Amino acid sequence: DLVKSGEQSGALDRIFDRIAIYKEKAEALKSKIKKAMFY
């Protein structure tokens, strides 16, 4: 959906930057939770 909105607005580079930040934050959060549970 985010990629589609980027295609429609003509700002695909900015949308991909937002998705990248979102994915990186989500993976970092997941890693922290796994760290809390694994030990």
PDB file of all heavy atoms in Angstrom:
ATOM      1  N   ASP A   1       0.832  -1.212   0.000  1.00  0.00           N
ATOM      2  CA  ASP A   1       0.000   0.000   0.000  1.00  0.00           C
ATOM      3  C   ASP A   1       0.866   1.261   0.000  1.00  0.00           C
ATOM      4  O   ASP A   1       0.559   2.242  -0.687  1.00  0.00           O
ATOM      5  CB  ASP A   1      -0.929   0.008   1.217  1.00  0.00           C
ATOM      6  CG  ASP A   1      -2.053  -1.018   1.084  1.00  0.00           C
ATOM      7  OD1 ASP A   1      -2.308  -1.483  -0.038  1.00  0.00           O
ATOM      8  OD2 ASP A   1      -2.659  -1.364   2.119  1.00  0.00           O
ATOM      9  N   LEU A   2       1.948   1.229   0.782  1.00  0.00           N
ATOM     10  CA  LEU A   2       2.841   2.386   0.835  1.00  0.00           C
ATOM     11  C   LEU A   2       3.543   2.603  -0.512  1.00  0.00           C
ATOM     12  O   LEU A   2       3.674   3.740  -0.978  1.00  0.00           O
ATOM     13  CB  LEU A   2       3.885   2.197   1.942  1.00  0.00           C
ATOM     14  CG  LEU A   2       3.357   2.261   3.382  1.00  0.00           C
ATOM     15  CD1 LEU A   2       4.445   1.901   4.372  1.00  0.00           C
ATOM     16  CD2 LEU A   2       2.816   3.649   3.694  1.00  0.00           C
ATOM     17  N   VAL A   3       3.981   1.510  -1.135  1.00  0.00           N
ATOM     18  CA  VAL A   3       4.616   1.625  -2.456  1.00  0.00           C
ATOM     19  C   VAL A   3       3.621   2.178  -3.476  1.00  0.00           C
ATOM     20  O   VAL A   3       3.965   3.031  -4.311  1.00  0.00           O
ATOM     21  CB  VAL A   3       5.157   0.253  -2.912  1.00  0.00           C
ATOM     22  CG1 VAL A   3       5.618   0.310  -4.372  1.00  0.00           C
ATOM     23  CG2 VAL A   3       6.326  -0.182  -2.027  1.00  0.00           C
ATOM     24  N   LYS A   4       2.366   1.727  -3.399  1.00  0.00           N
ATOM     25  CA  LYS A   4       1.335   2.209  -4.318  1.00  0.00           C
ATOM     26  C   LYS A   4       1.101   3.704  -4.149  1.00  0.00           C
ATOM     27  O   LYS A   4       0.986   4.451  -5.138  1.00  0.00           O
ATOM     28  CB  LYS A   4       0.028   1.451  -4.084  1.00  0.00           C
ATOM     29  CG  LYS A   4      -1.057   1.791  -5.094  1.00  0.00           C
ATOM     30  CD  LYS A   4      -2.310   0.962  -4.862  1.00  0.00           C
ATOM     31  CE  LYS A   4      -3.395   1.299  -5.886  1.00  0.00           C
ATOM     32  NZ  LYS A   4      -4.616   0.486  -5.667  1.00  0.00           N
ATOM     33  N   SER A   5       1.064   4.162  -2.894  1.00  0.00           N
ATOM     34  CA  SER A   5       0.876   5.602  -2.657  1.00  0.00           C
ATOM     35  C   SER A   5       2.067   6.397  -3.185  1.00  0.00           C
ATOM     36  O   SER A   5       1.909   7.507  -3.694  1.00  0.00           O
ATOM     37  CB  SER A   5       0.680   5.866  -1.156  1.00  0.00           C
ATOM     38  OG  SER A   5       1.873   5.629  -0.434  1.00  0.00           O
ATOM     39  N   GLY A   6       3.269   5.818  -3.090  1.00  0.00           N
ATOM     40  CA  GLY A   6       4.463   6.470  -3.639  1.00  0.00           C
ATOM     41  C   GLY A   6       4.429   6.555  -5.145  1.00  0.00           C
ATOM     42  O   GLY A   6       4.837   7.565  -5.736  1.00  0.00           O
ATOM     43  N   GLU A   7       3.920   5.507  -5.791  1.00  0.00           N
ATOM     44  CA  GLU A   7       3.793   5.510  -7.251  1.00  0.00           C
ATOM     45  C   GLU A   7       2.782   6.558  -7.706  1.00  0.00           C
ATOM     46  O   GLU A   7       3.001   7.265  -8.693  1.00  0.00           O
ATOM     47  CB  GLU A   7       3.371   4.128  -7.738  1.00  0.00           C
ATOM     48  CG  GLU A   7       4.468   3.069  -7.631  1.00  0.00           C
ATOM     49  CD  GLU A   7       3.981   1.682  -8.008  1.00  0.00           C
ATOM     50  OE1 GLU A   7       2.812   1.356  -7.701  1.00  0.00           O
ATOM     51  OE2 GLU A   7       4.751   0.912  -8.591  1.00  0.00           O
ATOM     52  N   GLN A   8       1.676   6.666  -6.961  1.00  0.00           N
ATOM     53  CA  GLN A   8       0.632   7.611  -7.339  1.00  0.00           C
ATOM     54  C   GLN A   8       1.058   9.056  -7.116  1.00  0.00           C
ATOM     55  O   GLN A   8       0.682   9.951  -7.878  1.00  0.00           O
ATOM     56  CB  GLN A   8      -0.647   7.322  -6.548  1.00  0.00           C
ATOM     57  CG  GLN A   8      -1.315   6.008  -6.938  1.00  0.00           C
ATOM     58  CD  GLN A   8      -2.462   5.633  -6.032  1.00  0.00           C
ATOM     59  OE1 GLN A   8      -2.617   6.183  -4.934  1.00  0.00           O
ATOM     60  NE2 GLN A   8      -3.283   4.687  -6.459  1.00  0.00           N
ATOM     61  N   SER A   9       1.857   9.290  -6.067  1.00  0.00           N
ATOM     62  CA  SER A   9       2.284  10.660  -5.756  1.00  0.00           C
ATOM     63  C   SER A   9       3.555  11.062  -6.494  1.00  0.00           C
ATOM     64  O   SER A   9       3.935  12.240  -6.478  1.00  0.00           O
ATOM     65  CB  SER A   9       2.514  10.795  -4.242  1.00  0.00           C
ATOM     66  OG  SER A   9       3.571   9.943  -3.817  1.00  0.00           O
ATOM     67  N   GLY A  10       4.234  10.079  -7.101  1.00  0.00           N
ATOM     68  CA  GLY A  10       5.478  10.381  -7.799  1.00  0.00           C
ATOM     69  C   GLY A  10       6.647  10.612  -6.871  1.00  0.00           C
ATOM     70  O   GLY A  10       7.659  11.207  -7.264  1.00  0.00           O
ATOM     71  N   ALA A  11       6.533  10.151  -5.638  1.00  0.00           N
ATOM     72  CA  ALA A  11       7.607  10.336  -4.648  1.00  0.00           C
ATOM     73  C   ALA A  11       8.049   8.974  -4.114  1.00  0.00           C
ATOM     74  O   ALA A  11       8.097   8.742  -2.909  1.00  0.00           O
ATOM     75  CB  ALA A  11       7.127  11.227  -3.511  1.00  0.00           C
ATOM     76  N   LEU A  12       8.375   8.070  -5.021  1.00  0.00           N
ATOM     77  CA  LEU A  12       8.717   6.701  -4.637  1.00  0.00           C
ATOM     78  C   LEU A  12       9.991   6.661  -3.794  1.00  0.00           C
ATOM     79  O   LEU A  12      10.111   5.827  -2.890  1.00  0.00           O
ATOM     80  CB  LEU A  12       8.888   5.841  -5.891  1.00  0.00           C
ATOM     81  CG  LEU A  12       8.813   4.315  -5.712  1.00  0.00           C
ATOM     82  CD1 LEU A  12       7.505   3.901  -5.071  1.00  0.00           C
ATOM     83  CD2 LEU A  12       8.989   3.617  -7.047  1.00  0.00           C
ATOM     84  N   ASP A  13      10.940   7.564  -4.069  1.00  0.00           N
ATOM     85  CA  ASP A  13      12.182   7.574  -3.294  1.00  0.00           C
ATOM     86  C   ASP A  13      11.928   7.914  -1.828  1.00  0.00           C
ATOM     87  O   ASP A  13      12.479   7.280  -0.923  1.00  0.00           O
ATOM     88  CB  ASP A  13      13.192   8.547  -3.911  1.00  0.00           C
ATOM     89  CG  ASP A  13      12.623   9.950  -4.072  1.00  0.00           C
ATOM     90  OD1 ASP A  13      11.374  10.093  -4.090  1.00  0.00           O
ATOM     91  OD2 ASP A  13      13.418  10.913  -4.186  1.00  0.00           O
ATOM     92  N   ARG A  14      11.063   8.917  -1.578  1.00  0.00           N
ATOM     93  CA  ARG A  14      10.743   9.309  -0.196  1.00  0.00           C
ATOM     94  C   ARG A  14       9.948   8.206   0.510  1.00  0.00           C
ATOM     95  O   ARG A  14      10.151   7.946   1.700  1.00  0.00           O
ATOM     96  CB  ARG A  14       9.959  10.621  -0.183  1.00  0.00           C
ATOM     97  CG  ARG A  14      10.785  11.830  -0.578  1.00  0.00           C
ATOM     98  CD  ARG A  14      10.212  13.118   0.000  1.00  0.00           C
ATOM     99  NE  ARG A  14       8.834  13.333  -0.439  1.00  0.00           N
ATOM    100  CZ  ARG A  14       8.498  13.979  -1.559  1.00  0.00           C
ATOM    101  NH1 ARG A  14       9.445  14.456  -2.344  1.00  0.00           N
ATOM    102  NH2 ARG A  14       7.235  14.154  -1.883  1.00  0.00           N
ATOM    103  N   ILE A  15       9.041   7.568  -0.232  1.00  0.00           N
ATOM    104  CA  ILE A  15       8.244   6.492   0.363  1.00  0.00           C
ATOM    105  C   ILE A  15       9.137   5.316   0.745  1.00  0.00           C
ATOM    106  O   ILE A  15       8.996   4.737   1.828  1.00  0.00           O
ATOM    107  CB  ILE A  15       7.133   6.036  -0.611  1.00  0.00           C
ATOM    108  CG1 ILE A  15       6.075   7.130  -0.756  1.00  0.00           C
ATOM    109  CG2 ILE A  15       6.476   4.743  -0.122  1.00  0.00           C
ATOM    110  CD1 ILE A  15       5.321   7.457   0.523  1.00  0.00           C
ATOM    111  N   PHE A  16      10.064   4.964  -0.137  1.00  0.00           N
ATOM    112  CA  PHE A  16      10.977   3.854   0.179  1.00  0.00           C
ATOM    113  C   PHE A  16      11.864   4.200   1.370  1.00  0.00           C
ATOM    114  O   PHE A  16      12.208   3.333   2.170  1.00  0.00           O
ATOM    115  CB  PHE A  16      11.838   3.495  -1.039  1.00  0.00           C
ATOM    116  CG  PHE A  16      11.303   2.322  -1.808  1.00  0.00           C
ATOM    117  CD1 PHE A  16      10.672   2.498  -3.024  1.00  0.00           C
ATOM    118  CD2 PHE A  16      11.418   1.029  -1.306  1.00  0.00           C
ATOM    119  CE1 PHE A  16      10.164   1.417  -3.737  1.00  0.00           C
ATOM    120  CE2 PHE A  16      10.920  -0.053  -2.002  1.00  0.00           C
ATOM    121  CZ  PHE A  16      10.289   0.134  -3.219  1.00  0.00           C
ATOM    122  N   ASP A  17      12.221   5.482   1.493  1.00  0.00           N
ATOM    123  CA  ASP A  17      12.998   5.906   2.658  1.00  0.00           C
ATOM    124  C   ASP A  17      12.177   5.725   3.940  1.00  0.00           C
ATOM    125  O   ASP A  17      12.692   5.248   4.956  1.00  0.00           O
ATOM    126  CB  ASP A  17      13.423   7.369   2.494  1.00  0.00           C
ATOM    127  CG  ASP A  17      14.359   7.815   3.608  1.00  0.00           C
ATOM    128  OD1 ASP A  17      15.389   7.154   3.804  1.00  0.00           O
ATOM    129  OD2 ASP A  17      14.035   8.797   4.301  1.00  0.00           O
ATOM    130  N   ARG A  18      10.882   6.079   3.889  1.00  0.00           N
ATOM    131  CA  ARG A  18       9.998   5.901   5.040  1.00  0.00           C
ATOM    132  C   ARG A  18       9.817   4.416   5.371  1.00  0.00           C
ATOM    133  O   ARG A  18       9.846   4.016   6.532  1.00  0.00           O
ATOM    134  CB  ARG A  18       8.625   6.528   4.766  1.00  0.00           C
ATOM    135  CG  ARG A  18       8.600   8.031   4.861  1.00  0.00           C
ATOM    136  CD  ARG A  18       7.180   8.566   4.740  1.00  0.00           C
ATOM    137  NE  ARG A  18       7.138   9.992   4.986  1.00  0.00           N
ATOM    138  CZ  ARG A  18       7.087  10.545   6.189  1.00  0.00           C
ATOM    139  NH1 ARG A  18       7.087   9.780   7.259  1.00  0.00           N
ATOM    140  NH2 ARG A  18       7.047  11.865   6.330  1.00  0.00           N
ATOM    141  N   ILE A  19       9.631   3.601   4.326  1.00  0.00           N
ATOM    142  CA  ILE A  19       9.466   2.158   4.556  1.00  0.00           C
ATOM    143  C   ILE A  19      10.741   1.571   5.157  1.00  0.00           C
ATOM    144  O   ILE A  19      10.685   0.725   6.061  1.00  0.00           O
ATOM    145  CB  ILE A  19       9.121   1.427   3.236  1.00  0.00           C
ATOM    146  CG1 ILE A  19       7.811   1.934   2.654  1.00  0.00           C
ATOM    147  CG2 ILE A  19       9.006  -0.077   3.477  1.00  0.00           C
ATOM    148  CD1 ILE A  19       7.496   1.404   1.260  1.00  0.00           C
ATOM    149  N   ALA A  20      11.894   2.030   4.669  1.00  0.00           N
ATOM    150  CA  ALA A  20      13.174   1.533   5.184  1.00  0.00           C
ATOM    151  C   ALA A  20      13.326   1.866   6.666  1.00  0.00           C
ATOM    152  O   ALA A  20      13.725   1.006   7.466  1.00  0.00           O
ATOM    153  CB  ALA A  20      14.330   2.139   4.380  1.00  0.00           C
ATOM    154  N   ILE A  21      12.988   3.103   7.037  1.00  0.00           N
ATOM    155  CA  ILE A  21      13.050   3.497   8.451  1.00  0.00           C
ATOM    156  C   ILE A  21      12.108   2.638   9.276  1.00  0.00           C
ATOM    157  O   ILE A  21      12.473   2.139  10.348  1.00  0.00           O
ATOM    158  CB  ILE A  21      12.704   4.995   8.611  1.00  0.00           C
ATOM    159  CG1 ILE A  21      13.788   5.860   7.972  1.00  0.00           C
ATOM    160  CG2 ILE A  21      12.538   5.355  10.083  1.00  0.00           C
ATOM    161  CD1 ILE A  21      13.420   7.326   7.872  1.00  0.00           C
ATOM    162  N   TYR A  22      10.887   2.442   8.756  1.00  0.00           N
ATOM    163  CA  TYR A  22       9.887   1.633   9.467  1.00  0.00           C
ATOM    164  C   TYR A  22      10.375   0.193   9.661  1.00  0.00           C
ATOM    165  O   TYR A  22      10.300  -0.361  10.759  1.00  0.00           O
ATOM    166  CB  TYR A  22       8.576   1.640   8.673  1.00  0.00           C
ATOM    167  CG  TYR A  22       7.563   0.625   9.156  1.00  0.00           C
ATOM    168  CD1 TYR A  22       6.875   0.824  10.346  1.00  0.00           C
ATOM    169  CD2 TYR A  22       7.311  -0.531   8.428  1.00  0.00           C
ATOM    170  CE1 TYR A  22       5.954  -0.112  10.797  1.00  0.00           C
ATOM    171  CE2 TYR A  22       6.398  -1.468   8.868  1.00  0.00           C
ATOM    172  CZ  TYR A  22       5.714  -1.251  10.054  1.00  0.00           C
ATOM    173  OH  TYR A  22       4.824  -2.186  10.495  1.00  0.00           O
ATOM    174  N   LYS A  23      10.908  -0.397   8.587  1.00  0.00           N
ATOM    175  CA  LYS A  23      11.392  -1.784   8.655  1.00  0.00           C
ATOM    176  C   LYS A  23      12.573  -1.907   9.608  1.00  0.00           C
ATOM    177  O   LYS A  23      12.673  -2.873  10.382  1.00  0.00           O
ATOM    178  CB  LYS A  23      11.795  -2.258   7.255  1.00  0.00           C
ATOM    179  CG  LYS A  23      10.629  -2.632   6.353  1.00  0.00           C
ATOM    180  CD  LYS A  23      10.045  -3.963   6.792  1.00  0.00           C
ATOM    181  CE  LYS A  23       8.990  -4.476   5.863  1.00  0.00           C
ATOM    182  NZ  LYS A  23       8.391  -5.729   6.348  1.00  0.00           N
ATOM    183  N   GLU A  24      13.493  -0.948   9.534  1.00  0.00           N
ATOM    184  CA  GLU A  24      14.679  -0.989  10.403  1.00  0.00           C
ATOM    185  C   GLU A  24      14.283  -0.864  11.871  1.00  0.00           C
ATOM    186  O   GLU A  24      14.811  -1.576  12.727  1.00  0.00           O
ATOM    187  CB  GLU A  24      15.642   0.132  10.005  1.00  0.00           C
ATOM    188  CG  GLU A  24      16.371  -0.133   8.693  1.00  0.00           C
ATOM    189  CD  GLU A  24      16.960   1.123   8.072  1.00  0.00           C
ATOM    190  OE1 GLU A  24      16.760   2.230   8.627  1.00  0.00           O
ATOM    191  OE2 GLU A  24      17.616   1.000   7.022  1.00  0.00           O
ATOM    192  N   LYS A  25      13.341   0.042  12.156  1.00  0.00           N
ATOM    193  CA  LYS A  25      12.875   0.202  13.536  1.00  0.00           C
ATOM    194  C   LYS A  25      12.151  -1.057  14.019  1.00  0.00           C
ATOM    195  O   LYS A  25      12.323  -1.489  15.160  1.00  0.00           O
ATOM    196  CB  LYS A  25      11.939   1.414  13.632  1.00  0.00           C
ATOM    197  CG  LYS A  25      12.585   2.757  13.348  1.00  0.00           C
ATOM    198  CD  LYS A  25      13.442   3.221  14.494  1.00  0.00           C
ATOM    199  CE  LYS A  25      13.954   4.639  14.271  1.00  0.00           C
ATOM    200  NZ  LYS A  25      14.820   5.096  15.380  1.00  0.00           N
ATOM    201  N   ALA A  26      11.322  -1.640  13.123  1.00  0.00           N
ATOM    202  CA  ALA A  26      10.575  -2.845  13.488  1.00  0.00           C
ATOM    203  C   ALA A  26      11.513  -4.005  13.783  1.00  0.00           C
ATOM    204  O   ALA A  26      11.319  -4.754  14.757  1.00  0.00           O
ATOM    205  CB  ALA A  26       9.603  -3.217  12.364  1.00  0.00           C
ATOM    206  N   GLU A  27      12.553  -4.169  12.953  1.00  0.00           N
ATOM    207  CA  GLU A  27      13.514  -5.256  13.168  1.00  0.00           C
ATOM    208  C   GLU A  27      14.332  -5.032  14.433  1.00  0.00           C
ATOM    209  O   GLU A  27      14.642  -5.980  15.163  1.00  0.00           O
ATOM    210  CB  GLU A  27      14.447  -5.371  11.953  1.00  0.00           C
ATOM    211  CG  GLU A  27      13.801  -5.997  10.739  1.00  0.00           C
ATOM    212  CD  GLU A  27      13.215  -7.361  11.018  1.00  0.00           C
ATOM    213  OE1 GLU A  27      13.950  -8.241  11.512  1.00  0.00           O
ATOM    214  OE2 GLU A  27      12.012  -7.554  10.778  1.00  0.00           O
ATOM    215  N   ALA A  28      14.682  -3.766  14.700  1.00  0.00           N
ATOM    216  CA  ALA A  28      15.425  -3.458  15.919  1.00  0.00           C
ATOM    217  C   ALA A  28      14.586  -3.778  17.152  1.00  0.00           C
ATOM    218  O   ALA A  28      15.083  -4.335  18.138  1.00  0.00           O
ATOM    219  CB  ALA A  28      15.838  -1.985  15.925  1.00  0.00           C
ATOM    220  N   LEU A  29      13.282  -3.433  17.091  1.00  0.00           N
ATOM    221  CA  LEU A  29      12.374  -3.705  18.204  1.00  0.00           C
ATOM    222  C   LEU A  29      12.223  -5.210  18.420  1.00  0.00           C
ATOM    223  O   LEU A  29      12.258  -5.703  19.555  1.00  0.00           O
ATOM    224  CB  LEU A  29      11.017  -3.073  17.915  1.00  0.00           C
ATOM    225  CG  LEU A  29      10.009  -2.979  19.071  1.00  0.00           C
ATOM    226  CD1 LEU A  29      10.567  -2.161  20.213  1.00  0.00           C
ATOM    227  CD2 LEU A  29       8.699  -2.383  18.580  1.00  0.00           C
ATOM    228  N   LYS A  30      12.070  -5.937  17.303  1.00  0.00           N
ATOM    229  CA  LYS A  30      11.935  -7.394  17.389  1.00  0.00           C
ATOM    230  C   LYS A  30      13.198  -8.013  17.996  1.00  0.00           C
ATOM    231  O   LYS A  30      13.130  -8.951  18.803  1.00  0.00           O
ATOM    232  CB  LYS A  30      11.689  -7.958  15.989  1.00  0.00           C
ATOM    233  CG  LYS A  30      11.203  -9.405  15.969  1.00  0.00           C
ATOM    234  CD  LYS A  30      11.146  -9.947  14.555  1.00  0.00           C
ATOM    235  CE  LYS A  30      10.161  -9.201  13.688  1.00  0.00           C
ATOM    236  NZ  LYS A  30      10.099  -9.768  12.306  1.00  0.00           N
ATOM    237  N   SER A  31      14.349  -7.496  17.596  1.00  0.00           N
ATOM    238  CA  SER A  31      15.621  -8.011  18.108  1.00  0.00           C
ATOM    239  C   SER A  31      15.745  -7.779  19.614  1.00  0.00           C
ATOM    240  O   SER A  31      16.230  -8.655  20.349  1.00  0.00           O
ATOM    241  CB  SER A  31      16.778  -7.328  17.369  1.00  0.00           C
ATOM    242  OG  SER A  31      18.013  -7.708  17.904  1.00  0.00           O
ATOM    243  N   LYS A  32      15.287  -6.611  20.072  1.00  0.00           N
ATOM    244  CA  LYS A  32      15.347  -6.317  21.505  1.00  0.00           C
ATOM    245  C   LYS A  32      14.467  -7.263  22.308  1.00  0.00           C
ATOM    246  O   LYS A  32      14.854  -7.737  23.381  1.00  0.00           O
ATOM    247  CB  LYS A  32      14.917  -4.866  21.750  1.00  0.00           C
ATOM    248  CG  LYS A  32      15.911  -3.832  21.254  1.00  0.00           C
ATOM    249  CD  LYS A  32      15.297  -2.449  21.245  1.00  0.00           C
ATOM    250  CE  LYS A  32      16.172  -1.442  20.512  1.00  0.00           C
ATOM    251  NZ  LYS A  32      15.490  -0.142  20.327  1.00  0.00           N
ATOM    252  N   ILE A  33      13.268  -7.545  21.788  1.00  0.00           N
ATOM    253  CA  ILE A  33      12.351  -8.445  22.491  1.00  0.00           C
ATOM    254  C   ILE A  33      12.913  -9.864  22.531  1.00  0.00           C
ATOM    255  O   ILE A  33      12.847 -10.553  23.550  1.00  0.00           O
ATOM    256  CB  ILE A  33      10.959  -8.421  21.821  1.00  0.00           C
ATOM    257  CG1 ILE A  33      10.339  -7.032  21.971  1.00  0.00           C
ATOM    258  CG2 ILE A  33      10.035  -9.467  22.433  1.00  0.00           C
ATOM    259  CD1 ILE A  33       9.082  -6.820  21.171  1.00  0.00           C
ATOM    260  N   LYS A  34      13.498 -10.304  21.398  1.00  0.00           N
ATOM    261  CA  LYS A  34      14.117 -11.630  21.367  1.00  0.00           C
ATOM    262  C   LYS A  34      15.271 -11.721  22.359  1.00  0.00           C
ATOM    263  O   LYS A  34      15.458 -12.740  23.029  1.00  0.00           O
ATOM    264  CB  LYS A  34      14.629 -11.935  19.953  1.00  0.00           C
ATOM    265  CG  LYS A  34      13.535 -12.336  18.982  1.00  0.00           C
ATOM    266  CD  LYS A  34      14.129 -12.692  17.632  1.00  0.00           C
ATOM    267  CE  LYS A  34      13.040 -13.119  16.653  1.00  0.00           C
ATOM    268  NZ  LYS A  34      13.606 -13.418  15.305  1.00  0.00           N
ATOM    269  N   LYS A  35      16.029 -10.619  22.457  1.00  0.00           N
ATOM    270  CA  LYS A  35      17.136 -10.580  23.401  1.00  0.00           C
ATOM    271  C   LYS A  35      16.634 -10.728  24.830  1.00  0.00           C
ATOM    272  O   LYS A  35      17.235 -11.424  25.652  1.00  0.00           O
ATOM    273  CB  LYS A  35      17.892  -9.251  23.246  1.00  0.00           C
ATOM    274  CG  LYS A  35      19.061  -9.073  24.196  1.00  0.00           C
ATOM    275  CD  LYS A  35      19.682  -7.692  24.026  1.00  0.00           C
ATOM    276  CE  LYS A  35      20.755  -7.444  25.074  1.00  0.00           C
ATOM    277  NZ  LYS A  35      21.301  -6.063  24.982  1.00  0.00           N
ATOM    278  N   ALA A  36      15.496 -10.086  25.121  1.00  0.00           N
ATOM    279  CA  ALA A  36      14.930 -10.162  26.468  1.00  0.00           C
ATOM    280  C   ALA A  36      14.459 -11.573  26.796  1.00  0.00           C
ATOM    281  O   ALA A  36      14.498 -12.001  27.956  1.00  0.00           O
ATOM    282  CB  ALA A  36      13.768  -9.181  26.600  1.00  0.00           C
ATOM    283  N   MET A  37      13.988 -12.314  25.780  1.00  0.00           N
ATOM    284  CA  MET A  37      13.420 -13.645  26.005  1.00  0.00           C
ATOM    285  C   MET A  37      14.469 -14.759  25.920  1.00  0.00           C
ATOM    286  O   MET A  37      14.364 -15.767  26.615  1.00  0.00           O
ATOM    287  CB  MET A  37      12.328 -13.928  24.958  1.00  0.00           C
ATOM    288  CG  MET A  37      11.184 -12.944  24.977  1.00  0.00           C
ATOM    289  SD  MET A  37      10.259 -13.038  26.511  1.00  0.00           S
ATOM    290  CE  MET A  37       8.900 -11.949  26.139  1.00  0.00           C
ATOM    291  N   PHE A  38      15.470 -14.582  25.058  1.00  0.00           N
ATOM    292  CA  PHE A  38      16.379 -15.686  24.759  1.00  0.00           C
ATOM    293  C   PHE A  38      17.245 -16.066  25.955  1.00  0.00           C
ATOM    294  O   PHE A  38      17.388 -17.259  26.261  1.00  0.00           O
ATOM    295  CB  PHE A  38      17.269 -15.311  23.570  1.00  0.00           C
ATOM    296  CG  PHE A  38      18.297 -16.358  23.239  1.00  0.00           C
ATOM    297  CD1 PHE A  38      17.930 -17.506  22.558  1.00  0.00           C
ATOM    298  CD2 PHE A  38      19.622 -16.204  23.621  1.00  0.00           C
ATOM    299  CE1 PHE A  38      18.870 -18.488  22.264  1.00  0.00           C
ATOM    300  CE2 PHE A  38      20.565 -17.175  23.331  1.00  0.00           C
ATOM    301  CZ  PHE A  38      20.185 -18.315  22.651  1.00  0.00           C
ATOM    302  N   TYR A  39      17.824 -15.071  26.618  1.00  0.00           N
ATOM    303  CA  TYR A  39      18.781 -15.372  27.686  1.00  0.00           C
ATOM    304  C   TYR A  39      18.170 -16.212  28.807  1.00  0.00           C
ATOM    305  O   TYR A  39      18.705 -17.270  29.149  1.00  0.00           O
ATOM    306  CB  TYR A  39      19.373 -14.071  28.233  1.00  0.00           C
ATOM    307  CG  TYR A  39      20.395 -14.284  29.325  1.00  0.00           C
ATOM    308  CD1 TYR A  39      21.655 -14.777  29.027  1.00  0.00           C
ATOM    309  CD2 TYR A  39      20.087 -14.006  30.651  1.00  0.00           C
ATOM    310  CE1 TYR A  39      22.591 -14.982  30.029  1.00  0.00           C
ATOM    311  CE2 TYR A  39      21.018 -14.211  31.661  1.00  0.00           C
ATOM    312  CZ  TYR A  39      22.270 -14.699  31.340  1.00  0.00           C
ATOM    313  OH  TYR A  39      23.185 -14.912  32.333  1.00  0.00           O
TER     314      TYR A  39
END
